[in-house]
Amino acid sequence: MFENQFSDCETAITSEDLDQLESVIGKKLPAVFRDHYLKYNGGMPERAYWTSEDFFDPIEVASFRPIVYGEPSLLPTYQNLQKKQLIPSNLLPFADDLGGNFFCLNLASGAISYFTTDTFDSELSFEDNHAASEKPVCSNFLRFVQGLISEEDIDEM
């Protein structure tokens, strides 16, 4: 599959910016994730829809969050969600949909998950809420970015 182009990206970042992110989160990022962000610091994908039999409707990726040089950027989002215990520590939210839900990189496995933010149940523990909010998307970041399709492709399905 051909590369998915991105527009409206922030100022280019350096390897040192990614090293700093890794230092703060305490995990190494997959090489393909690093490479992508060195080329595109955030932005909007040309092909922006994820489809799967696991989801009723296609999900539109509104934007990828920049590492730095833009708001909202990735690290403050992660830190804020961690502080409020709204997302498991192993999930790094790198993109969002139009409804405020996140596409996340699993820092342990490299898999991608869709994490809904509007399903919190006060009767459940944080762990149970996290489990109910996380939906597996695909096995890795490259497969996710390359697997996004255009709106025209949805109409042909």
N, C-alpha and C. Protein backbone atom coordinates (compact mmCIF):
# COMPACT_ATOMS: atom_id res chain seq x y z
N MET A 1 0.84 -1.18 0.00
CA MET A 1 0.00 0.00 0.00
C MET A 1 0.89 1.24 0.00
N PHE A 2 0.43 2.30 -0.66
CA PHE A 2 1.23 3.51 -0.74
C PHE A 2 1.12 4.33 0.53
N GLU A 3 2.08 5.23 0.70
CA GLU A 3 2.16 6.03 1.92
C GLU A 3 0.95 6.95 2.06
N ASN A 4 0.52 7.16 3.27
CA ASN A 4 -0.55 8.09 3.59
C ASN A 4 0.11 9.44 3.85
N GLN A 5 -0.22 10.44 3.07
CA GLN A 5 0.34 11.78 3.22
C GLN A 5 -0.39 12.55 4.33
N PHE A 6 0.31 13.48 4.96
CA PHE A 6 -0.26 14.30 6.03
C PHE A 6 -0.12 15.78 5.69
N SER A 7 -1.12 16.57 6.09
CA SER A 7 -1.08 18.02 5.90
C SER A 7 -1.28 18.71 7.24
N ASP A 8 -1.05 20.01 7.25
CA ASP A 8 -1.22 20.84 8.45
C ASP A 8 -0.39 20.32 9.62
N CYS A 9 0.82 19.87 9.33
CA CYS A 9 1.72 19.39 10.37
C CYS A 9 2.38 20.57 11.07
N GLU A 10 2.86 20.34 12.26
CA GLU A 10 3.58 21.37 13.00
C GLU A 10 5.05 21.38 12.56
N THR A 11 5.81 22.29 13.12
CA THR A 11 7.24 22.40 12.84
C THR A 11 7.92 21.05 13.05
N ALA A 12 8.84 20.73 12.17
CA ALA A 12 9.54 19.44 12.25
C ALA A 12 10.24 19.29 13.60
N ILE A 13 10.30 18.05 14.05
CA ILE A 13 10.97 17.74 15.32
C ILE A 13 12.28 17.01 15.04
N THR A 14 13.04 16.79 16.09
CA THR A 14 14.32 16.08 15.99
C THR A 14 14.25 14.78 16.78
N SER A 15 15.24 13.95 16.59
CA SER A 15 15.35 12.72 17.38
C SER A 15 15.42 13.04 18.87
N GLU A 16 16.03 14.16 19.20
CA GLU A 16 16.14 14.55 20.61
C GLU A 16 14.76 14.82 21.21
N ASP A 17 13.85 15.38 20.42
CA ASP A 17 12.49 15.60 20.92
C ASP A 17 11.82 14.27 21.25
N LEU A 18 12.03 13.27 20.40
CA LEU A 18 11.46 11.94 20.66
C LEU A 18 12.16 11.27 21.84
N ASP A 19 13.48 11.47 21.96
CA ASP A 19 14.21 10.93 23.11
C ASP A 19 13.66 11.51 24.41
N GLN A 20 13.34 12.80 24.39
CA GLN A 20 12.78 13.46 25.57
C GLN A 20 11.43 12.85 25.92
N LEU A 21 10.58 12.62 24.92
CA LEU A 21 9.29 11.99 25.15
C LEU A 21 9.48 10.61 25.77
N GLU A 22 10.39 9.82 25.21
CA GLU A 22 10.66 8.48 25.75
C GLU A 22 11.15 8.56 27.19
N SER A 23 11.96 9.54 27.49
CA SER A 23 12.47 9.71 28.85
C SER A 23 11.33 9.99 29.83
N VAL A 24 10.39 10.82 29.45
CA VAL A 24 9.28 11.18 30.33
C VAL A 24 8.32 10.01 30.51
N ILE A 25 7.99 9.29 29.42
CA ILE A 25 7.02 8.20 29.53
C ILE A 25 7.67 6.90 30.01
N GLY A 26 9.01 6.84 29.99
CA GLY A 26 9.72 5.67 30.49
C GLY A 26 9.66 4.46 29.57
N LYS A 27 9.39 4.66 28.30
CA LYS A 27 9.29 3.56 27.32
C LYS A 27 9.92 3.99 26.01
N LYS A 28 10.44 3.02 25.28
CA LYS A 28 10.95 3.25 23.93
C LYS A 28 9.78 3.21 22.95
N LEU A 29 9.80 4.09 21.99
CA LEU A 29 8.78 4.12 20.95
C LEU A 29 9.21 3.24 19.79
N PRO A 30 8.27 2.60 19.11
CA PRO A 30 8.63 1.79 17.94
C PRO A 30 9.33 2.65 16.88
N ALA A 31 10.28 2.08 16.18
CA ALA A 31 11.04 2.80 15.16
C ALA A 31 10.13 3.42 14.11
N VAL A 32 9.11 2.70 13.68
CA VAL A 32 8.21 3.23 12.65
C VAL A 32 7.42 4.43 13.17
N PHE A 33 7.08 4.44 14.44
CA PHE A 33 6.41 5.59 15.06
C PHE A 33 7.35 6.79 15.07
N ARG A 34 8.58 6.56 15.48
CA ARG A 34 9.59 7.63 15.49
C ARG A 34 9.80 8.18 14.09
N ASP A 35 9.97 7.29 13.12
CA ASP A 35 10.20 7.71 11.73
C ASP A 35 9.03 8.55 11.21
N HIS A 36 7.82 8.10 11.51
CA HIS A 36 6.64 8.85 11.07
C HIS A 36 6.65 10.26 11.64
N TYR A 37 6.91 10.38 12.93
CA TYR A 37 6.88 11.68 13.58
C TYR A 37 8.05 12.57 13.16
N LEU A 38 9.16 11.99 12.77
CA LEU A 38 10.25 12.81 12.24
C LEU A 38 9.87 13.39 10.87
N LYS A 39 9.02 12.70 10.16
CA LYS A 39 8.55 13.18 8.84
C LYS A 39 7.34 14.10 9.00
N TYR A 40 6.39 13.70 9.85
CA TYR A 40 5.14 14.44 10.05
C TYR A 40 4.93 14.64 11.55
N ASN A 41 5.11 15.84 12.02
CA ASN A 41 4.86 16.13 13.42
C ASN A 41 3.39 16.49 13.60
N GLY A 42 2.57 15.46 13.79
CA GLY A 42 1.14 15.68 13.90
C GLY A 42 0.52 15.85 12.52
N GLY A 43 -0.62 16.50 12.48
CA GLY A 43 -1.26 16.80 11.20
C GLY A 43 -2.46 15.92 10.90
N MET A 44 -3.00 16.14 9.71
CA MET A 44 -4.19 15.42 9.27
C MET A 44 -3.84 14.46 8.14
N PRO A 45 -4.22 13.19 8.28
CA PRO A 45 -3.92 12.24 7.22
C PRO A 45 -4.80 12.47 6.00
N GLU A 46 -4.22 12.28 4.82
CA GLU A 46 -5.00 12.39 3.58
C GLU A 46 -6.11 11.35 3.56
N ARG A 47 -5.77 10.12 3.88
CA ARG A 47 -6.77 9.06 4.06
C ARG A 47 -7.01 8.97 5.57
N ALA A 48 -8.23 9.26 6.00
CA ALA A 48 -8.46 9.50 7.43
C ALA A 48 -9.48 8.58 8.09
N TYR A 49 -9.92 7.52 7.42
CA TYR A 49 -10.97 6.67 8.00
C TYR A 49 -10.47 5.26 8.28
N TRP A 50 -10.79 4.79 9.48
CA TRP A 50 -10.49 3.40 9.85
C TRP A 50 -11.79 2.61 9.76
N THR A 51 -11.75 1.51 9.04
CA THR A 51 -12.91 0.63 8.96
C THR A 51 -12.50 -0.76 9.40
N SER A 52 -13.43 -1.45 10.00
CA SER A 52 -13.19 -2.80 10.47
C SER A 52 -14.52 -3.43 10.81
N GLU A 53 -14.59 -4.73 10.71
CA GLU A 53 -15.82 -5.41 11.11
C GLU A 53 -16.06 -5.29 12.61
N ASP A 54 -15.02 -4.89 13.35
CA ASP A 54 -15.15 -4.71 14.80
C ASP A 54 -15.84 -3.39 15.17
N PHE A 55 -15.99 -2.49 14.20
CA PHE A 55 -16.63 -1.20 14.44
C PHE A 55 -17.84 -1.08 13.54
N PHE A 56 -18.93 -0.58 14.09
CA PHE A 56 -20.18 -0.47 13.34
C PHE A 56 -20.04 0.48 12.15
N ASP A 57 -19.46 1.66 12.39
CA ASP A 57 -19.25 2.67 11.35
C ASP A 57 -17.76 2.96 11.22
N PRO A 58 -17.36 3.49 10.07
CA PRO A 58 -15.97 3.95 9.95
C PRO A 58 -15.70 5.06 10.98
N ILE A 59 -14.48 5.12 11.47
CA ILE A 59 -14.09 6.14 12.44
C ILE A 59 -13.13 7.09 11.73
N GLU A 60 -13.45 8.37 11.78
CA GLU A 60 -12.59 9.37 11.14
C GLU A 60 -11.53 9.85 12.12
N VAL A 61 -10.28 9.83 11.67
CA VAL A 61 -9.18 10.41 12.45
C VAL A 61 -9.18 11.90 12.15
N ALA A 62 -9.47 12.71 13.15
CA ALA A 62 -9.50 14.16 12.97
C ALA A 62 -8.08 14.70 12.80
N SER A 63 -7.17 14.24 13.64
CA SER A 63 -5.79 14.70 13.55
C SER A 63 -4.88 13.85 14.41
N PHE A 64 -3.61 13.87 14.04
CA PHE A 64 -2.56 13.29 14.86
C PHE A 64 -2.01 14.43 15.70
N ARG A 65 -1.76 14.17 16.96
CA ARG A 65 -1.23 15.20 17.84
C ARG A 65 0.27 15.37 17.61
N PRO A 66 0.75 16.61 17.59
CA PRO A 66 2.19 16.82 17.44
C PRO A 66 2.93 16.43 18.73
N ILE A 67 4.19 16.09 18.58
CA ILE A 67 5.02 15.81 19.75
C ILE A 67 5.25 17.12 20.52
N VAL A 68 5.65 18.15 19.82
CA VAL A 68 5.82 19.51 20.36
C VAL A 68 5.42 20.49 19.27
N TYR A 69 5.45 21.78 19.59
CA TYR A 69 5.17 22.87 18.65
C TYR A 69 3.72 22.93 18.21
N GLY A 70 2.81 22.63 19.06
CA GLY A 70 1.41 22.75 18.69
C GLY A 70 0.54 22.36 19.86
N GLU A 71 -0.70 22.75 19.79
CA GLU A 71 -1.66 22.43 20.85
C GLU A 71 -2.88 21.77 20.25
N PRO A 72 -3.42 20.76 20.85
CA PRO A 72 -2.84 20.08 22.01
C PRO A 72 -1.77 19.10 21.55
N SER A 73 -0.67 19.09 22.24
CA SER A 73 0.41 18.18 21.87
C SER A 73 0.32 16.88 22.66
N LEU A 74 1.08 15.91 22.21
CA LEU A 74 0.96 14.54 22.70
C LEU A 74 1.31 14.37 24.18
N LEU A 75 2.45 14.87 24.60
CA LEU A 75 2.88 14.63 25.98
C LEU A 75 1.95 15.26 27.03
N PRO A 76 1.56 16.52 26.91
CA PRO A 76 0.63 17.07 27.91
C PRO A 76 -0.71 16.33 27.93
N THR A 77 -1.17 15.88 26.77
CA THR A 77 -2.40 15.09 26.72
C THR A 77 -2.24 13.81 27.53
N TYR A 78 -1.15 13.10 27.28
CA TYR A 78 -0.86 11.85 28.00
C TYR A 78 -0.77 12.11 29.51
N GLN A 79 -0.01 13.14 29.89
CA GLN A 79 0.18 13.43 31.30
C GLN A 79 -1.13 13.83 31.99
N ASN A 80 -1.95 14.61 31.31
CA ASN A 80 -3.23 15.02 31.88
C ASN A 80 -4.16 13.82 32.07
N LEU A 81 -4.23 12.95 31.06
CA LEU A 81 -5.08 11.76 31.17
C LEU A 81 -4.57 10.81 32.25
N GLN A 82 -3.25 10.74 32.43
CA GLN A 82 -2.67 9.90 33.48
C GLN A 82 -2.98 10.47 34.86
N LYS A 83 -2.83 11.77 34.99
CA LYS A 83 -3.08 12.43 36.28
C LYS A 83 -4.52 12.17 36.75
N LYS A 84 -5.45 12.20 35.81
CA LYS A 84 -6.86 11.98 36.13
C LYS A 84 -7.26 10.51 36.11
N GLN A 85 -6.30 9.63 35.83
CA GLN A 85 -6.51 8.19 35.73
C GLN A 85 -7.59 7.82 34.72
N LEU A 86 -7.65 8.59 33.63
CA LEU A 86 -8.68 8.36 32.62
C LEU A 86 -8.25 7.35 31.55
N ILE A 87 -6.97 7.04 31.51
CA ILE A 87 -6.46 6.13 30.49
C ILE A 87 -5.35 5.29 31.10
N PRO A 88 -5.21 4.03 30.71
CA PRO A 88 -4.13 3.21 31.28
C PRO A 88 -2.75 3.78 30.92
N SER A 89 -1.80 3.59 31.79
CA SER A 89 -0.46 4.16 31.58
C SER A 89 0.26 3.56 30.38
N ASN A 90 -0.17 2.38 29.91
CA ASN A 90 0.50 1.77 28.77
C ASN A 90 -0.04 2.29 27.43
N LEU A 91 -1.03 3.19 27.44
CA LEU A 91 -1.58 3.73 26.20
C LEU A 91 -1.15 5.17 26.00
N LEU A 92 -0.56 5.44 24.83
CA LEU A 92 -0.11 6.78 24.47
C LEU A 92 -1.04 7.33 23.40
N PRO A 93 -1.91 8.30 23.75
CA PRO A 93 -2.86 8.84 22.78
C PRO A 93 -2.15 9.73 21.75
N PHE A 94 -2.12 9.31 20.50
CA PHE A 94 -1.40 10.05 19.46
C PHE A 94 -2.33 10.71 18.45
N ALA A 95 -3.59 10.30 18.40
CA ALA A 95 -4.55 10.88 17.45
C ALA A 95 -5.93 10.86 18.08
N ASP A 96 -6.81 11.68 17.53
CA ASP A 96 -8.17 11.70 18.06
C ASP A 96 -9.19 11.75 16.93
N ASP A 97 -10.42 11.42 17.30
CA ASP A 97 -11.51 11.53 16.35
C ASP A 97 -12.25 12.84 16.63
N LEU A 98 -13.31 13.10 15.91
CA LEU A 98 -14.04 14.36 16.09
C LEU A 98 -14.83 14.40 17.39
N GLY A 99 -15.02 13.26 18.05
CA GLY A 99 -15.78 13.21 19.29
C GLY A 99 -14.93 13.23 20.54
N GLY A 100 -13.61 13.42 20.42
CA GLY A 100 -12.75 13.48 21.59
C GLY A 100 -12.25 12.14 22.08
N ASN A 101 -12.43 11.09 21.28
CA ASN A 101 -11.88 9.78 21.60
C ASN A 101 -10.48 9.67 21.00
N PHE A 102 -9.71 8.72 21.48
CA PHE A 102 -8.30 8.65 21.09
C PHE A 102 -7.92 7.36 20.38
N PHE A 103 -6.98 7.48 19.47
CA PHE A 103 -6.25 6.34 18.93
C PHE A 103 -4.95 6.31 19.71
N CYS A 104 -4.62 5.15 20.27
CA CYS A 104 -3.49 5.05 21.19
C CYS A 104 -2.50 3.99 20.75
N LEU A 105 -1.24 4.26 21.02
CA LEU A 105 -0.17 3.29 20.85
C LEU A 105 0.00 2.56 22.17
N ASN A 106 -0.10 1.24 22.13
CA ASN A 106 0.17 0.44 23.33
C ASN A 106 1.67 0.39 23.51
N LEU A 107 2.17 0.98 24.58
CA LEU A 107 3.61 1.10 24.79
C LEU A 107 4.28 -0.23 25.11
N ALA A 108 3.51 -1.24 25.46
CA ALA A 108 4.07 -2.56 25.75
C ALA A 108 4.13 -3.43 24.49
N SER A 109 3.06 -3.40 23.69
CA SER A 109 2.97 -4.32 22.55
C SER A 109 3.17 -3.66 21.20
N GLY A 110 3.01 -2.35 21.10
CA GLY A 110 3.09 -1.65 19.82
C GLY A 110 1.77 -1.66 19.06
N ALA A 111 0.75 -2.32 19.60
CA ALA A 111 -0.56 -2.37 18.94
C ALA A 111 -1.27 -1.02 19.06
N ILE A 112 -2.29 -0.85 18.23
CA ILE A 112 -3.09 0.38 18.25
C ILE A 112 -4.47 0.05 18.81
N SER A 113 -4.95 0.93 19.68
CA SER A 113 -6.28 0.80 20.28
C SER A 113 -7.06 2.08 20.06
N TYR A 114 -8.37 1.93 20.07
CA TYR A 114 -9.29 3.07 20.06
C TYR A 114 -9.83 3.16 21.47
N PHE A 115 -9.71 4.33 22.08
CA PHE A 115 -10.09 4.51 23.47
C PHE A 115 -11.18 5.57 23.56
N THR A 116 -12.37 5.14 23.97
CA THR A 116 -13.49 6.07 24.09
C THR A 116 -13.44 6.78 25.44
N THR A 117 -13.81 8.04 25.43
CA THR A 117 -13.73 8.84 26.65
C THR A 117 -15.09 9.15 27.24
N ASP A 118 -16.15 8.68 26.60
CA ASP A 118 -17.48 9.04 27.07
C ASP A 118 -18.24 7.86 27.68
N THR A 119 -17.51 6.85 28.11
CA THR A 119 -18.16 5.66 28.64
C THR A 119 -17.86 5.41 30.11
N PHE A 120 -17.36 6.41 30.82
CA PHE A 120 -16.98 6.23 32.23
C PHE A 120 -18.21 5.90 33.06
N ASP A 121 -18.09 4.87 33.86
CA ASP A 121 -19.17 4.43 34.75
C ASP A 121 -18.66 4.56 36.19
N SER A 122 -19.26 5.43 36.96
CA SER A 122 -18.81 5.69 38.33
C SER A 122 -18.94 4.48 39.25
N GLU A 123 -19.69 3.49 38.84
CA GLU A 123 -19.85 2.26 39.65
C GLU A 123 -18.71 1.26 39.42
N LEU A 124 -17.89 1.52 38.39
CA LEU A 124 -16.79 0.60 38.07
C LEU A 124 -15.46 1.17 38.56
N SER A 125 -14.49 0.30 38.74
CA SER A 125 -13.13 0.73 39.09
C SER A 125 -12.50 1.39 37.87
N PHE A 126 -11.38 2.09 38.08
CA PHE A 126 -10.66 2.68 36.96
C PHE A 126 -10.24 1.59 35.98
N GLU A 127 -9.77 0.46 36.50
CA GLU A 127 -9.31 -0.63 35.63
C GLU A 127 -10.45 -1.18 34.78
N ASP A 128 -11.62 -1.36 35.39
CA ASP A 128 -12.77 -1.87 34.64
C ASP A 128 -13.25 -0.84 33.61
N ASN A 129 -13.22 0.43 33.98
CA ASN A 129 -13.57 1.48 33.01
C ASN A 129 -12.59 1.50 31.85
N HIS A 130 -11.31 1.36 32.16
CA HIS A 130 -10.30 1.33 31.10
C HIS A 130 -10.55 0.16 30.16
N ALA A 131 -10.81 -0.99 30.71
CA ALA A 131 -11.05 -2.18 29.89
C ALA A 131 -12.29 -2.01 29.01
N ALA A 132 -13.32 -1.39 29.54
CA ALA A 132 -14.55 -1.18 28.77
C ALA A 132 -14.37 -0.13 27.67
N SER A 133 -13.44 0.78 27.86
CA SER A 133 -13.24 1.89 26.92
C SER A 133 -12.26 1.57 25.80
N GLU A 134 -11.44 0.55 25.98
CA GLU A 134 -10.40 0.23 25.00
C GLU A 134 -10.87 -0.82 24.00
N LYS A 135 -10.75 -0.48 22.72
CA LYS A 135 -11.11 -1.41 21.64
C LYS A 135 -9.88 -1.62 20.76
N PRO A 136 -9.45 -2.88 20.57
CA PRO A 136 -8.30 -3.13 19.69
C PRO A 136 -8.59 -2.68 18.26
N VAL A 137 -7.59 -2.10 17.61
CA VAL A 137 -7.72 -1.63 16.23
C VAL A 137 -6.86 -2.48 15.30
N CYS A 138 -5.56 -2.50 15.54
CA CYS A 138 -4.67 -3.31 14.70
C CYS A 138 -3.36 -3.57 15.43
N SER A 139 -2.52 -4.37 14.82
CA SER A 139 -1.33 -4.88 15.50
C SER A 139 -0.16 -3.90 15.61
N ASN A 140 -0.13 -2.85 14.76
CA ASN A 140 1.00 -1.93 14.85
C ASN A 140 0.70 -0.59 14.18
N PHE A 141 1.56 0.37 14.42
CA PHE A 141 1.37 1.74 13.95
C PHE A 141 1.41 1.83 12.43
N LEU A 142 2.34 1.18 11.78
CA LEU A 142 2.44 1.24 10.32
C LEU A 142 1.18 0.70 9.66
N ARG A 143 0.71 -0.42 10.15
CA ARG A 143 -0.52 -1.01 9.61
C ARG A 143 -1.70 -0.04 9.79
N PHE A 144 -1.74 0.66 10.91
CA PHE A 144 -2.80 1.62 11.14
C PHE A 144 -2.73 2.77 10.13
N VAL A 145 -1.59 3.43 10.03
CA VAL A 145 -1.45 4.59 9.14
C VAL A 145 -1.71 4.18 7.69
N GLN A 146 -1.15 3.06 7.27
CA GLN A 146 -1.35 2.63 5.88
C GLN A 146 -2.75 2.06 5.65
N GLY A 147 -3.41 1.62 6.71
CA GLY A 147 -4.74 1.05 6.58
C GLY A 147 -5.87 2.05 6.58
N LEU A 148 -5.57 3.31 6.84
CA LEU A 148 -6.61 4.34 6.77
C LEU A 148 -7.05 4.50 5.32
N ILE A 149 -8.35 4.74 5.12
CA ILE A 149 -8.87 4.87 3.76
C ILE A 149 -9.53 6.23 3.58
N SER A 150 -9.78 6.59 2.33
CA SER A 150 -10.40 7.88 2.04
C SER A 150 -11.92 7.78 2.15
N GLU A 151 -12.56 8.92 2.21
CA GLU A 151 -14.02 8.95 2.28
C GLU A 151 -14.63 8.34 1.02
N GLU A 152 -14.00 8.55 -0.14
CA GLU A 152 -14.50 7.96 -1.38
C GLU A 152 -14.47 6.43 -1.32
N ASP A 153 -13.45 5.88 -0.67
CA ASP A 153 -13.36 4.42 -0.53
C ASP A 153 -14.46 3.88 0.35
N ILE A 154 -14.90 4.65 1.32
CA ILE A 154 -16.02 4.22 2.18
C ILE A 154 -17.28 4.08 1.33
N ASP A 155 -17.50 5.07 0.48
CA ASP A 155 -18.70 5.07 -0.36
C ASP A 155 -18.75 3.87 -1.29
N GLU A 156 -17.57 3.31 -1.63
CA GLU A 156 -17.50 2.17 -2.54
C GLU A 156 -17.67 0.84 -1.81
N MET A 157 -17.72 0.87 -0.50
CA MET A 157 -17.82 -0.37 0.28
C MET A 157 -19.26 -0.87 0.33
